[in-house]
Full PDB file with SEQRES, HELIX, SHEET, SSBOND, CRYST1, ORIGX, SCALE, CONECT and MASTER records, all heavy atoms in Angstrom:
SEQRES   1 A   45  HIS GLY LEU THR LEU THR HIS GLY TRP ARG PRO GLU SER          
SEQRES   2 A   45  GLY PHE ILE PRO TYR ARG TRP ARG GLY TYR ASP GLU GLY          
SEQRES   3 A   45  LEU LEU LEU TYR ILE LEU GLY LEU GLY SER PRO THR TYR          
SEQRES   4 A   45  PRO LEU PRO SER GLU SER                                      
HELIX    1 AA1 GLY A   26  LEU A   34  1                                   9    
SHEET    1 AA1 2 TRP A   9  ARG A  10  0                                        
SHEET    2 AA1 2 GLY A  14  PHE A  15 -1                                        
CRYST1    1.000    1.000    1.000  90.00  90.00  90.00 P 1           1          
ORIGX1      1.000000  0.000000  0.000000        0.00000                         
ORIGX2      0.000000  1.000000  0.000000        0.00000                         
ORIGX3      0.000000  0.000000  1.000000        0.00000                         
SCALE1      1.000000  0.000000  0.000000        0.00000                         
SCALE2      0.000000  1.000000  0.000000        0.00000                         
SCALE3      0.000000  0.000000  1.000000        0.00000                         
ATOM      1  N   HIS A   1      38.912  51.387  96.792  1.00  0.00           N  
ATOM      2  CA  HIS A   1      38.962  50.489  95.657  1.00  0.00           C  
ATOM      3  C   HIS A   1      40.307  50.192  95.093  1.00  0.00           C  
ATOM      4  O   HIS A   1      40.554  49.825  93.945  1.00  0.00           O  
ATOM      5  CB  HIS A   1      37.997  50.957  94.485  1.00  0.00           C  
ATOM      6  CG  HIS A   1      36.651  51.176  94.964  1.00  0.00           C  
ATOM      7  ND1 HIS A   1      36.197  52.442  95.318  1.00  0.00           N  
ATOM      8  CD2 HIS A   1      35.672  50.262  95.070  1.00  0.00           C  
ATOM      9  CE1 HIS A   1      34.896  52.314  95.795  1.00  0.00           C  
ATOM     10  NE2 HIS A   1      34.489  50.993  95.581  1.00  0.00           N  
ATOM     11  N   GLY A   2      41.343  50.532  95.929  1.00  0.00           N  
ATOM     12  CA  GLY A   2      42.818  50.183  95.487  1.00  0.00           C  
ATOM     13  C   GLY A   2      43.334  49.217  96.476  1.00  0.00           C  
ATOM     14  O   GLY A   2      42.724  48.844  97.556  1.00  0.00           O  
ATOM     15  N   LEU A   3      44.610  48.829  96.317  1.00  0.00           N  
ATOM     16  CA  LEU A   3      45.312  47.959  97.314  1.00  0.00           C  
ATOM     17  C   LEU A   3      45.990  48.834  98.349  1.00  0.00           C  
ATOM     18  O   LEU A   3      46.163  48.251  99.432  1.00  0.00           O  
ATOM     19  CB  LEU A   3      46.438  47.057  96.498  1.00  0.00           C  
ATOM     20  CG  LEU A   3      45.797  45.943  95.823  1.00  0.00           C  
ATOM     21  CD1 LEU A   3      46.960  45.305  95.061  1.00  0.00           C  
ATOM     22  CD2 LEU A   3      45.133  44.925  96.681  1.00  0.00           C  
ATOM     23  N   THR A   4      46.370  50.038  98.057  1.00  0.00           N  
ATOM     24  CA  THR A   4      47.172  50.738  98.999  1.00  0.00           C  
ATOM     25  C   THR A   4      46.071  51.698  99.822  1.00  0.00           C  
ATOM     26  O   THR A   4      45.066  52.173  99.278  1.00  0.00           O  
ATOM     27  CB  THR A   4      48.188  51.639  98.442  1.00  0.00           C  
ATOM     28  OG1 THR A   4      47.797  52.414  97.343  1.00  0.00           O  
ATOM     29  CG2 THR A   4      49.324  50.718  97.849  1.00  0.00           C  
ATOM     30  N   LEU A   5      46.448  52.088 101.042  1.00  0.00           N  
ATOM     31  CA  LEU A   5      45.717  52.960 101.764  1.00  0.00           C  
ATOM     32  C   LEU A   5      45.762  54.358 101.364  1.00  0.00           C  
ATOM     33  O   LEU A   5      46.904  54.884 101.088  1.00  0.00           O  
ATOM     34  CB  LEU A   5      45.968  52.971 103.346  1.00  0.00           C  
ATOM     35  CG  LEU A   5      45.541  51.646 104.017  1.00  0.00           C  
ATOM     36  CD1 LEU A   5      46.458  51.386 105.206  1.00  0.00           C  
ATOM     37  CD2 LEU A   5      44.147  51.835 104.439  1.00  0.00           C  
ATOM     38  N   THR A   6      44.632  55.169 101.323  1.00  0.00           N  
ATOM     39  CA  THR A   6      44.713  56.596 101.052  1.00  0.00           C  
ATOM     40  C   THR A   6      45.172  57.334 102.206  1.00  0.00           C  
ATOM     41  O   THR A   6      45.108  56.815 103.407  1.00  0.00           O  
ATOM     42  CB  THR A   6      43.322  57.033 100.557  1.00  0.00           C  
ATOM     43  OG1 THR A   6      42.343  56.852 101.709  1.00  0.00           O  
ATOM     44  CG2 THR A   6      42.782  56.188  99.438  1.00  0.00           C  
ATOM     45  N   HIS A   7      45.631  58.578 101.990  1.00  0.00           N  
ATOM     46  CA  HIS A   7      46.056  59.307 103.141  1.00  0.00           C  
ATOM     47  C   HIS A   7      44.801  59.882 104.006  1.00  0.00           C  
ATOM     48  O   HIS A   7      44.973  60.147 105.122  1.00  0.00           O  
ATOM     49  CB  HIS A   7      46.769  60.676 102.601  1.00  0.00           C  
ATOM     50  CG  HIS A   7      48.146  60.464 102.376  1.00  0.00           C  
ATOM     51  ND1 HIS A   7      49.142  61.387 102.363  1.00  0.00           N  
ATOM     52  CD2 HIS A   7      48.829  59.257 101.978  1.00  0.00           C  
ATOM     53  CE1 HIS A   7      50.349  60.908 102.119  1.00  0.00           C  
ATOM     54  NE2 HIS A   7      50.208  59.610 101.743  1.00  0.00           N  
ATOM     55  N   GLY A   8      43.653  59.811 103.409  1.00  0.00           N  
ATOM     56  CA  GLY A   8      42.414  60.286 104.027  1.00  0.00           C  
ATOM     57  C   GLY A   8      41.261  60.709 103.204  1.00  0.00           C  
ATOM     58  O   GLY A   8      41.251  60.329 101.959  1.00  0.00           O  
ATOM     59  N   TRP A   9      40.318  61.349 103.808  1.00  0.00           N  
ATOM     60  CA  TRP A   9      39.129  61.694 103.134  1.00  0.00           C  
ATOM     61  C   TRP A   9      38.529  62.990 103.719  1.00  0.00           C  
ATOM     62  O   TRP A   9      38.715  63.285 104.855  1.00  0.00           O  
ATOM     63  CB  TRP A   9      38.190  60.503 103.410  1.00  0.00           C  
ATOM     64  CG  TRP A   9      36.730  60.537 102.945  1.00  0.00           C  
ATOM     65  CD1 TRP A   9      36.294  60.138 101.723  1.00  0.00           C  
ATOM     66  CD2 TRP A   9      35.571  60.959 103.678  1.00  0.00           C  
ATOM     67  NE1 TRP A   9      34.872  60.284 101.618  1.00  0.00           N  
ATOM     68  CE2 TRP A   9      34.426  60.780 102.866  1.00  0.00           C  
ATOM     69  CE3 TRP A   9      35.460  61.381 104.976  1.00  0.00           C  
ATOM     70  CZ2 TRP A   9      33.191  61.108 103.316  1.00  0.00           C  
ATOM     71  CZ3 TRP A   9      34.060  61.743 105.429  1.00  0.00           C  
ATOM     72  CH2 TRP A   9      33.038  61.532 104.591  1.00  0.00           C  
ATOM     73  N   ARG A  10      37.707  63.610 102.877  1.00  0.00           N  
ATOM     74  CA  ARG A  10      36.928  64.707 103.314  1.00  0.00           C  
ATOM     75  C   ARG A  10      35.414  64.616 102.815  1.00  0.00           C  
ATOM     76  O   ARG A  10      35.215  64.273 101.645  1.00  0.00           O  
ATOM     77  CB  ARG A  10      37.544  66.168 102.817  1.00  0.00           C  
ATOM     78  CG  ARG A  10      38.833  66.526 103.346  1.00  0.00           C  
ATOM     79  CD  ARG A  10      39.239  67.902 102.915  1.00  0.00           C  
ATOM     80  NE  ARG A  10      40.398  68.434 103.577  1.00  0.00           N  
ATOM     81  CZ  ARG A  10      41.692  68.133 103.278  1.00  0.00           C  
ATOM     82  NH1 ARG A  10      41.982  67.411 102.211  1.00  0.00           N  
ATOM     83  NH2 ARG A  10      42.619  68.713 104.019  1.00  0.00           N  
ATOM     84  N   PRO A  11      34.496  64.993 103.687  1.00  0.00           N  
ATOM     85  CA  PRO A  11      33.115  64.871 103.223  1.00  0.00           C  
ATOM     86  C   PRO A  11      32.839  65.806 102.052  1.00  0.00           C  
ATOM     87  O   PRO A  11      31.923  65.469 101.298  1.00  0.00           O  
ATOM     88  CB  PRO A  11      32.260  65.179 104.532  1.00  0.00           C  
ATOM     89  CG  PRO A  11      33.264  65.972 105.353  1.00  0.00           C  
ATOM     90  CD  PRO A  11      34.597  65.442 105.035  1.00  0.00           C  
ATOM     91  N   GLU A  12      33.522  66.921 101.910  1.00  0.00           N  
ATOM     92  CA  GLU A  12      33.197  67.872 100.870  1.00  0.00           C  
ATOM     93  C   GLU A  12      33.809  67.396  99.561  1.00  0.00           C  
ATOM     94  O   GLU A  12      33.173  67.699  98.452  1.00  0.00           O  
ATOM     95  CB  GLU A  12      33.954  69.177 101.206  1.00  0.00           C  
ATOM     96  CG  GLU A  12      33.297  69.900 102.491  1.00  0.00           C  
ATOM     97  CD  GLU A  12      34.021  69.417 103.787  1.00  0.00           C  
ATOM     98  OE1 GLU A  12      34.936  68.598 103.626  1.00  0.00           O  
ATOM     99  OE2 GLU A  12      33.531  69.938 104.824  1.00  0.00           O  
ATOM    100  N   SER A  13      34.922  66.573  99.487  1.00  0.00           N  
ATOM    101  CA  SER A  13      35.457  66.271  98.301  1.00  0.00           C  
ATOM    102  C   SER A  13      35.888  64.840  98.022  1.00  0.00           C  
ATOM    103  O   SER A  13      36.377  64.424  97.061  1.00  0.00           O  
ATOM    104  CB  SER A  13      36.684  67.097  98.081  1.00  0.00           C  
ATOM    105  OG  SER A  13      37.650  66.991  99.203  1.00  0.00           O  
ATOM    106  N   GLY A  14      35.706  63.993  99.063  1.00  0.00           N  
ATOM    107  CA  GLY A  14      36.046  62.546  98.958  1.00  0.00           C  
ATOM    108  C   GLY A  14      37.436  62.261  99.279  1.00  0.00           C  
ATOM    109  O   GLY A  14      38.068  62.955 100.138  1.00  0.00           O  
ATOM    110  N   PHE A  15      37.962  61.117  98.799  1.00  0.00           N  
ATOM    111  CA  PHE A  15      39.261  60.756  99.218  1.00  0.00           C  
ATOM    112  C   PHE A  15      40.374  61.625  98.722  1.00  0.00           C  
ATOM    113  O   PHE A  15      40.393  62.216  97.662  1.00  0.00           O  
ATOM    114  CB  PHE A  15      39.532  59.298  98.718  1.00  0.00           C  
ATOM    115  CG  PHE A  15      38.806  58.245  99.381  1.00  0.00           C  
ATOM    116  CD1 PHE A  15      37.510  57.711  98.963  1.00  0.00           C  
ATOM    117  CD2 PHE A  15      39.284  57.801 100.674  1.00  0.00           C  
ATOM    118  CE1 PHE A  15      36.946  56.766  99.590  1.00  0.00           C  
ATOM    119  CE2 PHE A  15      38.551  56.812 101.414  1.00  0.00           C  
ATOM    120  CZ  PHE A  15      37.485  56.275 100.914  1.00  0.00           C  
ATOM    121  N   ILE A  16      41.372  61.807  99.588  1.00  0.00           N  
ATOM    122  CA  ILE A  16      42.588  62.548  99.255  1.00  0.00           C  
ATOM    123  C   ILE A  16      43.405  61.793  98.143  1.00  0.00           C  
ATOM    124  O   ILE A  16      43.472  60.532  98.200  1.00  0.00           O  
ATOM    125  CB  ILE A  16      43.470  62.717 100.441  1.00  0.00           C  
ATOM    126  CG1 ILE A  16      42.751  63.599 101.419  1.00  0.00           C  
ATOM    127  CG2 ILE A  16      44.801  63.404 100.116  1.00  0.00           C  
ATOM    128  CD1 ILE A  16      43.380  63.742 102.814  1.00  0.00           C  
ATOM    129  N   PRO A  17      43.846  62.451  97.082  1.00  0.00           N  
ATOM    130  CA  PRO A  17      44.488  61.746  95.972  1.00  0.00           C  
ATOM    131  C   PRO A  17      45.993  61.344  96.194  1.00  0.00           C  
ATOM    132  O   PRO A  17      46.758  61.439  95.357  1.00  0.00           O  
ATOM    133  CB  PRO A  17      44.388  62.722  94.853  1.00  0.00           C  
ATOM    134  CG  PRO A  17      44.399  64.083  95.486  1.00  0.00           C  
ATOM    135  CD  PRO A  17      43.652  63.940  96.842  1.00  0.00           C  
ATOM    136  N   TYR A  18      46.216  61.003  97.365  1.00  0.00           N  
ATOM    137  CA  TYR A  18      47.528  60.481  97.810  1.00  0.00           C  
ATOM    138  C   TYR A  18      47.431  59.122  98.531  1.00  0.00           C  
ATOM    139  O   TYR A  18      46.554  58.962  99.311  1.00  0.00           O  
ATOM    140  CB  TYR A  18      48.352  61.439  98.611  1.00  0.00           C  
ATOM    141  CG  TYR A  18      48.447  62.810  97.950  1.00  0.00           C  
ATOM    142  CD1 TYR A  18      47.771  63.908  98.415  1.00  0.00           C  
ATOM    143  CD2 TYR A  18      49.344  63.068  96.965  1.00  0.00           C  
ATOM    144  CE1 TYR A  18      47.821  65.178  97.796  1.00  0.00           C  
ATOM    145  CE2 TYR A  18      49.481  64.285  96.269  1.00  0.00           C  
ATOM    146  CZ  TYR A  18      48.717  65.318  96.708  1.00  0.00           C  
ATOM    147  OH  TYR A  18      48.826  66.582  96.151  1.00  0.00           O  
ATOM    148  N   ARG A  19      48.382  58.301  98.336  1.00  0.00           N  
ATOM    149  CA  ARG A  19      48.323  57.009  98.910  1.00  0.00           C  
ATOM    150  C   ARG A  19      49.651  56.759  99.736  1.00  0.00           C  
ATOM    151  O   ARG A  19      50.639  57.277  99.385  1.00  0.00           O  
ATOM    152  CB  ARG A  19      48.104  55.890  97.936  1.00  0.00           C  
ATOM    153  CG  ARG A  19      46.680  55.933  97.332  1.00  0.00           C  
ATOM    154  CD  ARG A  19      46.410  54.846  96.259  1.00  0.00           C  
ATOM    155  NE  ARG A  19      45.050  54.876  95.796  1.00  0.00           N  
ATOM    156  CZ  ARG A  19      44.174  54.185  96.358  1.00  0.00           C  
ATOM    157  NH1 ARG A  19      44.400  53.354  97.359  1.00  0.00           N  
ATOM    158  NH2 ARG A  19      42.860  54.214  95.841  1.00  0.00           N  
ATOM    159  N   TRP A  20      49.500  55.822 100.706  1.00  0.00           N  
ATOM    160  CA  TRP A  20      50.643  55.317 101.501  1.00  0.00           C  
ATOM    161  C   TRP A  20      51.475  54.313 100.637  1.00  0.00           C  
ATOM    162  O   TRP A  20      50.980  53.133 100.568  1.00  0.00           O  
ATOM    163  CB  TRP A  20      50.297  54.877 102.788  1.00  0.00           C  
ATOM    164  CG  TRP A  20      49.678  55.914 103.740  1.00  0.00           C  
ATOM    165  CD1 TRP A  20      48.364  56.198 103.967  1.00  0.00           C  
ATOM    166  CD2 TRP A  20      50.435  56.924 104.374  1.00  0.00           C  
ATOM    167  NE1 TRP A  20      48.319  57.273 104.758  1.00  0.00           N  
ATOM    168  CE2 TRP A  20      49.636  57.752 105.070  1.00  0.00           C  
ATOM    169  CE3 TRP A  20      51.928  57.176 104.509  1.00  0.00           C  
ATOM    170  CZ2 TRP A  20      50.001  58.845 105.841  1.00  0.00           C  
ATOM    171  CZ3 TRP A  20      52.286  58.217 105.315  1.00  0.00           C  
ATOM    172  CH2 TRP A  20      51.304  59.030 105.936  1.00  0.00           C  
ATOM    173  N   ARG A  21      52.457  54.717  99.950  1.00  0.00           N  
ATOM    174  CA  ARG A  21      53.294  53.744  99.188  1.00  0.00           C  
ATOM    175  C   ARG A  21      54.728  54.231  99.341  1.00  0.00           C  
ATOM    176  O   ARG A  21      55.142  55.409  99.441  1.00  0.00           O  
ATOM    177  CB  ARG A  21      52.941  53.915  97.611  1.00  0.00           C  
ATOM    178  CG  ARG A  21      51.619  53.595  97.316  1.00  0.00           C  
ATOM    179  CD  ARG A  21      51.306  53.763  95.797  1.00  0.00           C  
ATOM    180  NE  ARG A  21      52.144  52.852  95.001  1.00  0.00           N  
ATOM    181  CZ  ARG A  21      53.100  53.166  94.261  1.00  0.00           C  
ATOM    182  NH1 ARG A  21      53.549  54.448  94.109  1.00  0.00           N  
ATOM    183  NH2 ARG A  21      53.797  52.289  93.473  1.00  0.00           N  
ATOM    184  N   GLY A  22      55.649  53.153  99.457  1.00  0.00           N  
ATOM    185  CA  GLY A  22      57.003  53.514  99.792  1.00  0.00           C  
ATOM    186  C   GLY A  22      57.290  53.744 101.268  1.00  0.00           C  
ATOM    187  O   GLY A  22      56.320  54.041 102.010  1.00  0.00           O  
ATOM    188  N   TYR A  23      58.542  53.464 101.709  1.00  0.00           N  
ATOM    189  CA  TYR A  23      58.812  53.441 103.105  1.00  0.00           C  
ATOM    190  C   TYR A  23      58.577  54.902 103.822  1.00  0.00           C  
ATOM    191  O   TYR A  23      59.071  55.760 103.370  1.00  0.00           O  
ATOM    192  CB  TYR A  23      60.283  52.920 103.370  1.00  0.00           C  
ATOM    193  CG  TYR A  23      60.523  52.803 104.840  1.00  0.00           C  
ATOM    194  CD1 TYR A  23      59.711  51.961 105.580  1.00  0.00           C  
ATOM    195  CD2 TYR A  23      61.552  53.400 105.417  1.00  0.00           C  
ATOM    196  CE1 TYR A  23      60.011  51.796 106.946  1.00  0.00           C  
ATOM    197  CE2 TYR A  23      61.868  53.358 106.815  1.00  0.00           C  
ATOM    198  CZ  TYR A  23      61.098  52.435 107.538  1.00  0.00           C  
ATOM    199  OH  TYR A  23      61.312  52.261 108.831  1.00  0.00           O  
ATOM    200  N   ASP A  24      57.929  54.715 104.961  1.00  0.00           N  
ATOM    201  CA  ASP A  24      57.595  55.886 105.770  1.00  0.00           C  
ATOM    202  C   ASP A  24      56.937  55.358 106.980  1.00  0.00           C  
ATOM    203  O   ASP A  24      56.887  54.158 107.330  1.00  0.00           O  
ATOM    204  CB  ASP A  24      56.790  56.914 105.004  1.00  0.00           C  
ATOM    205  CG  ASP A  24      55.522  56.309 104.426  1.00  0.00           C  
ATOM    206  OD1 ASP A  24      55.012  55.324 104.817  1.00  0.00           O  
ATOM    207  OD2 ASP A  24      55.192  56.902 103.369  1.00  0.00           O  
ATOM    208  N   GLU A  25      56.288  56.257 107.779  1.00  0.00           N  
ATOM    209  CA  GLU A  25      55.639  55.830 108.978  1.00  0.00           C  
ATOM    210  C   GLU A  25      54.348  55.047 108.720  1.00  0.00           C  
ATOM    211  O   GLU A  25      53.795  54.499 109.608  1.00  0.00           O  
ATOM    212  CB  GLU A  25      55.240  57.123 109.845  1.00  0.00           C  
ATOM    213  CG  GLU A  25      54.174  58.062 109.132  1.00  0.00           C  
ATOM    214  CD  GLU A  25      54.657  59.000 108.188  1.00  0.00           C  
ATOM    215  OE1 GLU A  25      55.771  58.777 107.591  1.00  0.00           O  
ATOM    216  OE2 GLU A  25      53.978  60.098 108.016  1.00  0.00           O  
ATOM    217  N   GLY A  26      53.985  54.890 107.402  1.00  0.00           N  
ATOM    218  CA  GLY A  26      52.813  54.145 107.013  1.00  0.00           C  
ATOM    219  C   GLY A  26      53.014  52.627 107.398  1.00  0.00           C  
ATOM    220  O   GLY A  26      52.117  51.913 107.273  1.00  0.00           O  
ATOM    221  N   LEU A  27      54.211  52.260 107.668  1.00  0.00           N  
ATOM    222  CA  LEU A  27      54.492  50.794 108.002  1.00  0.00           C  
ATOM    223  C   LEU A  27      53.490  50.388 109.204  1.00  0.00           C  
ATOM    224  O   LEU A  27      52.932  49.367 109.148  1.00  0.00           O  
ATOM    225  CB  LEU A  27      55.974  50.627 108.484  1.00  0.00           C  
ATOM    226  CG  LEU A  27      56.417  49.255 108.907  1.00  0.00           C  
ATOM    227  CD1 LEU A  27      56.249  48.124 107.703  1.00  0.00           C  
ATOM    228  CD2 LEU A  27      57.879  49.291 109.330  1.00  0.00           C  
ATOM    229  N   LEU A  28      53.441  51.372 110.152  1.00  0.00           N  
ATOM    230  CA  LEU A  28      52.542  50.947 111.274  1.00  0.00           C  
ATOM    231  C   LEU A  28      51.056  50.876 110.795  1.00  0.00           C  
ATOM    232  O   LEU A  28      50.289  50.017 111.247  1.00  0.00           O  
ATOM    233  CB  LEU A  28      52.647  52.048 112.357  1.00  0.00           C  
ATOM    234  CG  LEU A  28      51.718  51.960 113.514  1.00  0.00           C  
ATOM    235  CD1 LEU A  28      51.950  50.805 114.419  1.00  0.00           C  
ATOM    236  CD2 LEU A  28      51.641  53.261 114.406  1.00  0.00           C  
ATOM    237  N   LEU A  29      50.713  51.669 109.856  1.00  0.00           N  
ATOM    238  CA  LEU A  29      49.361  51.702 109.292  1.00  0.00           C  
ATOM    239  C   LEU A  29      48.978  50.381 108.754  1.00  0.00           C  
ATOM    240  O   LEU A  29      47.873  49.858 109.014  1.00  0.00           O  
ATOM    241  CB  LEU A  29      49.336  52.888 108.262  1.00  0.00           C  
ATOM    242  CG  LEU A  29      47.974  53.321 107.675  1.00  0.00           C  
ATOM    243  CD1 LEU A  29      47.114  54.025 108.822  1.00  0.00           C  
ATOM    244  CD2 LEU A  29      48.279  54.333 106.569  1.00  0.00           C  
ATOM    245  N   TYR A  30      49.890  49.828 107.897  1.00  0.00           N  
ATOM    246  CA  TYR A  30      49.546  48.584 107.351  1.00  0.00           C  
ATOM    247  C   TYR A  30      49.460  47.381 108.212  1.00  0.00           C  
ATOM    248  O   TYR A  30      48.673  46.532 108.086  1.00  0.00           O  
ATOM    249  CB  TYR A  30      50.574  48.310 106.129  1.00  0.00           C  
ATOM    250  CG  TYR A  30      50.226  49.125 104.966  1.00  0.00           C  
ATOM    251  CD1 TYR A  30      50.765  50.470 104.721  1.00  0.00           C  
ATOM    252  CD2 TYR A  30      49.401  48.614 103.931  1.00  0.00           C  
ATOM    253  CE1 TYR A  30      50.368  51.238 103.657  1.00  0.00           C  
ATOM    254  CE2 TYR A  30      49.021  49.445 102.851  1.00  0.00           C  
ATOM    255  CZ  TYR A  30      49.572  50.655 102.691  1.00  0.00           C  
ATOM    256  OH  TYR A  30      49.119  51.406 101.655  1.00  0.00           O  
ATOM    257  N   ILE A  31      50.407  47.409 109.300  1.00  0.00           N  
ATOM    258  CA  ILE A  31      50.405  46.252 110.274  1.00  0.00           C  
ATOM    259  C   ILE A  31      49.064  46.431 111.067  1.00  0.00           C  
ATOM    260  O   ILE A  31      48.489  45.269 111.254  1.00  0.00           O  
ATOM    261  CB  ILE A  31      51.657  46.451 111.207  1.00  0.00           C  
ATOM    262  CG1 ILE A  31      52.778  46.144 110.288  1.00  0.00           C  
ATOM    263  CG2 ILE A  31      51.523  45.552 112.310  1.00  0.00           C  
ATOM    264  CD1 ILE A  31      54.180  46.428 110.919  1.00  0.00           C  
ATOM    265  N   LEU A  32      48.621  47.574 111.357  1.00  0.00           N  
ATOM    266  CA  LEU A  32      47.359  47.619 112.106  1.00  0.00           C  
ATOM    267  C   LEU A  32      46.174  47.270 111.216  1.00  0.00           C  
ATOM    268  O   LEU A  32      45.314  46.474 111.647  1.00  0.00           O  
ATOM    269  CB  LEU A  32      47.136  49.019 112.559  1.00  0.00           C  
ATOM    270  CG  LEU A  32      47.961  49.491 113.790  1.00  0.00           C  
ATOM    271  CD1 LEU A  32      47.822  51.049 113.859  1.00  0.00           C  
ATOM    272  CD2 LEU A  32      47.607  48.824 114.981  1.00  0.00           C  
ATOM    273  N   GLY A  33      46.137  47.661 109.966  1.00  0.00           N  
ATOM    274  CA  GLY A  33      45.085  47.268 109.022  1.00  0.00           C  
ATOM    275  C   GLY A  33      45.095  45.803 108.708  1.00  0.00           C  
ATOM    276  O   GLY A  33      44.042  45.225 108.679  1.00  0.00           O  
ATOM    277  N   LEU A  34      46.295  45.215 108.535  1.00  0.00           N  
ATOM    278  CA  LEU A  34      46.303  43.792 108.300  1.00  0.00           C  
ATOM    279  C   LEU A  34      45.824  42.841 109.459  1.00  0.00           C  
ATOM    280  O   LEU A  34      45.394  41.868 109.379  1.00  0.00           O  
ATOM    281  CB  LEU A  34      47.768  43.353 108.002  1.00  0.00           C  
ATOM    282  CG  LEU A  34      48.296  43.751 106.536  1.00  0.00           C  
ATOM    283  CD1 LEU A  34      49.767  43.604 106.511  1.00  0.00           C  
ATOM    284  CD2 LEU A  34      47.591  43.071 105.508  1.00  0.00           C  
ATOM    285  N   GLY A  35      46.100  43.473 110.819  1.00  0.00           N  
ATOM    286  CA  GLY A  35      45.782  42.720 111.928  1.00  0.00           C  
ATOM    287  C   GLY A  35      44.410  42.855 112.419  1.00  0.00           C  
ATOM    288  O   GLY A  35      44.017  42.181 113.357  1.00  0.00           O  
ATOM    289  N   SER A  36      43.651  43.593 111.692  1.00  0.00           N  
ATOM    290  CA  SER A  36      42.139  43.739 112.067  1.00  0.00           C  
ATOM    291  C   SER A  36      41.379  42.536 112.042  1.00  0.00           C  
ATOM    292  O   SER A  36      41.494  41.974 110.913  1.00  0.00           O  
ATOM    293  CB  SER A  36      41.528  44.851 111.324  1.00  0.00           C  
ATOM    294  OG  SER A  36      40.088  44.990 111.544  1.00  0.00           O  
ATOM    295  N   PRO A  37      40.624  42.049 113.041  1.00  0.00           N  
ATOM    296  CA  PRO A  37      39.757  40.884 112.726  1.00  0.00           C  
ATOM    297  C   PRO A  37      38.451  41.096 112.244  1.00  0.00           C  
ATOM    298  O   PRO A  37      37.668  40.140 111.873  1.00  0.00           O  
ATOM    299  CB  PRO A  37      39.577  40.405 114.286  1.00  0.00           C  
ATOM    300  CG  PRO A  37      39.586  41.672 115.050  1.00  0.00           C  
ATOM    301  CD  PRO A  37      40.612  42.605 114.290  1.00  0.00           C  
ATOM    302  N   THR A  38      38.019  42.446 111.919  1.00  0.00           N  
ATOM    303  CA  THR A  38      36.735  42.863 111.486  1.00  0.00           C  
ATOM    304  C   THR A  38      36.751  43.275 110.079  1.00  0.00           C  
ATOM    305  O   THR A  38      36.003  42.732 109.184  1.00  0.00           O  
ATOM    306  CB  THR A  38      36.314  43.933 112.352  1.00  0.00           C  
ATOM    307  OG1 THR A  38      37.174  44.923 112.633  1.00  0.00           O  
ATOM    308  CG2 THR A  38      35.783  43.292 113.740  1.00  0.00           C  
ATOM    309  N   TYR A  39      37.515  44.227 109.687  1.00  0.00           N  
ATOM    310  CA  TYR A  39      37.578  44.872 108.334  1.00  0.00           C  
ATOM    311  C   TYR A  39      38.969  44.919 107.866  1.00  0.00           C  
ATOM    312  O   TYR A  39      39.567  46.021 107.674  1.00  0.00           O  
ATOM    313  CB  TYR A  39      36.977  46.297 108.286  1.00  0.00           C  
ATOM    314  CG  TYR A  39      35.553  46.328 108.949  1.00  0.00           C  
ATOM    315  CD1 TYR A  39      35.371  46.872 110.179  1.00  0.00           C  
ATOM    316  CD2 TYR A  39      34.424  45.865 108.187  1.00  0.00           C  
ATOM    317  CE1 TYR A  39      34.096  46.929 110.728  1.00  0.00           C  
ATOM    318  CE2 TYR A  39      33.157  45.937 108.731  1.00  0.00           C  
ATOM    319  CZ  TYR A  39      32.971  46.473 110.007  1.00  0.00           C  
ATOM    320  OH  TYR A  39      31.731  46.600 110.516  1.00  0.00           O  
ATOM    321  N   PRO A  40      39.659  43.844 107.836  1.00  0.00           N  
ATOM    322  CA  PRO A  40      41.135  43.883 107.480  1.00  0.00           C  
ATOM    323  C   PRO A  40      41.454  44.300 105.969  1.00  0.00           C  
ATOM    324  O   PRO A  40      40.698  44.135 105.130  1.00  0.00           O  
ATOM    325  CB  PRO A  40      41.576  42.424 107.789  1.00  0.00           C  
ATOM    326  CG  PRO A  40      40.419  41.562 107.446  1.00  0.00           C  
ATOM    327  CD  PRO A  40      39.212  42.508 107.890  1.00  0.00           C  
ATOM    328  N   LEU A  41      42.719  44.736 106.034  1.00  0.00           N  
ATOM    329  CA  LEU A  41      43.442  44.829 104.629  1.00  0.00           C  
ATOM    330  C   LEU A  41      43.674  43.377 103.991  1.00  0.00           C  
ATOM    331  O   LEU A  41      44.088  42.570 104.775  1.00  0.00           O  
ATOM    332  CB  LEU A  41      44.591  45.704 104.779  1.00  0.00           C  
ATOM    333  CG  LEU A  41      44.583  47.097 105.112  1.00  0.00           C  
ATOM    334  CD1 LEU A  41      46.021  47.614 105.255  1.00  0.00           C  
ATOM    335  CD2 LEU A  41      43.802  47.850 104.014  1.00  0.00           C  
ATOM    336  N   PRO A  42      43.734  43.234 102.754  1.00  0.00           N  
ATOM    337  CA  PRO A  42      44.108  42.079 102.133  1.00  0.00           C  
ATOM    338  C   PRO A  42      45.696  41.996 102.259  1.00  0.00           C  
ATOM    339  O   PRO A  42      46.353  43.014 102.284  1.00  0.00           O  
ATOM    340  CB  PRO A  42      43.707  42.098 100.785  1.00  0.00           C  
ATOM    341  CG  PRO A  42      43.526  43.646 100.496  1.00  0.00           C  
ATOM    342  CD  PRO A  42      43.090  44.237 101.682  1.00  0.00           C  
ATOM    343  N   SER A  43      46.264  40.866 102.326  1.00  0.00           N  
ATOM    344  CA  SER A  43      47.717  40.670 102.327  1.00  0.00           C  
ATOM    345  C   SER A  43      48.419  41.357 101.207  1.00  0.00           C  
ATOM    346  O   SER A  43      49.497  41.892 101.408  1.00  0.00           O  
ATOM    347  CB  SER A  43      48.098  39.198 102.442  1.00  0.00           C  
ATOM    348  OG  SER A  43      47.675  38.625 103.635  1.00  0.00           O  
ATOM    349  N   GLU A  44      47.715  41.429 100.047  1.00  0.00           N  
ATOM    350  CA  GLU A  44      48.400  42.032  98.876  1.00  0.00           C  
ATOM    351  C   GLU A  44      48.593  43.532  99.127  1.00  0.00           C  
ATOM    352  O   GLU A  44      49.468  44.042  98.366  1.00  0.00           O  
ATOM    353  CB  GLU A  44      47.417  41.802  97.654  1.00  0.00           C  
ATOM    354  CG  GLU A  44      47.212  40.370  97.268  1.00  0.00           C  
ATOM    355  CD  GLU A  44      46.165  39.736  98.107  1.00  0.00           C  
ATOM    356  OE1 GLU A  44      45.296  40.527  98.725  1.00  0.00           O  
ATOM    357  OE2 GLU A  44      46.177  38.525  98.347  1.00  0.00           O  
ATOM    358  N   SER A  45      47.869  44.209  99.970  1.00  0.00           N  
ATOM    359  CA  SER A  45      48.100  45.661 100.201  1.00  0.00           C  
ATOM    360  C   SER A  45      49.509  45.928 100.750  1.00  0.00           C  
ATOM    361  O   SER A  45      49.992  46.926 100.335  1.00  0.00           O  
ATOM    362  CB  SER A  45      47.132  46.143 101.240  1.00  0.00           C  
ATOM    363  OG  SER A  45      47.315  45.626 102.527  1.00  0.00           O  
TER     364      SER A  45                                                      
MASTER        0    0    0    1    2    0    0    6  363    1    0    4          
END                                                                             
C-alpha cells in the first residue's frame, strides 16, 4: 500500500518495516517491477 517496494515479508509477522529508498542495488528491483506486463509497479514508484 505504498509507492516504494518493501524489503520483504514473513508469514509470521507480515511485511518487513524497511523499504527500498535511496540509491543501492534496488535500482534493478524497480526496473524489473516497472517492466512487468502482468503486475507492474506504477511509474511513480
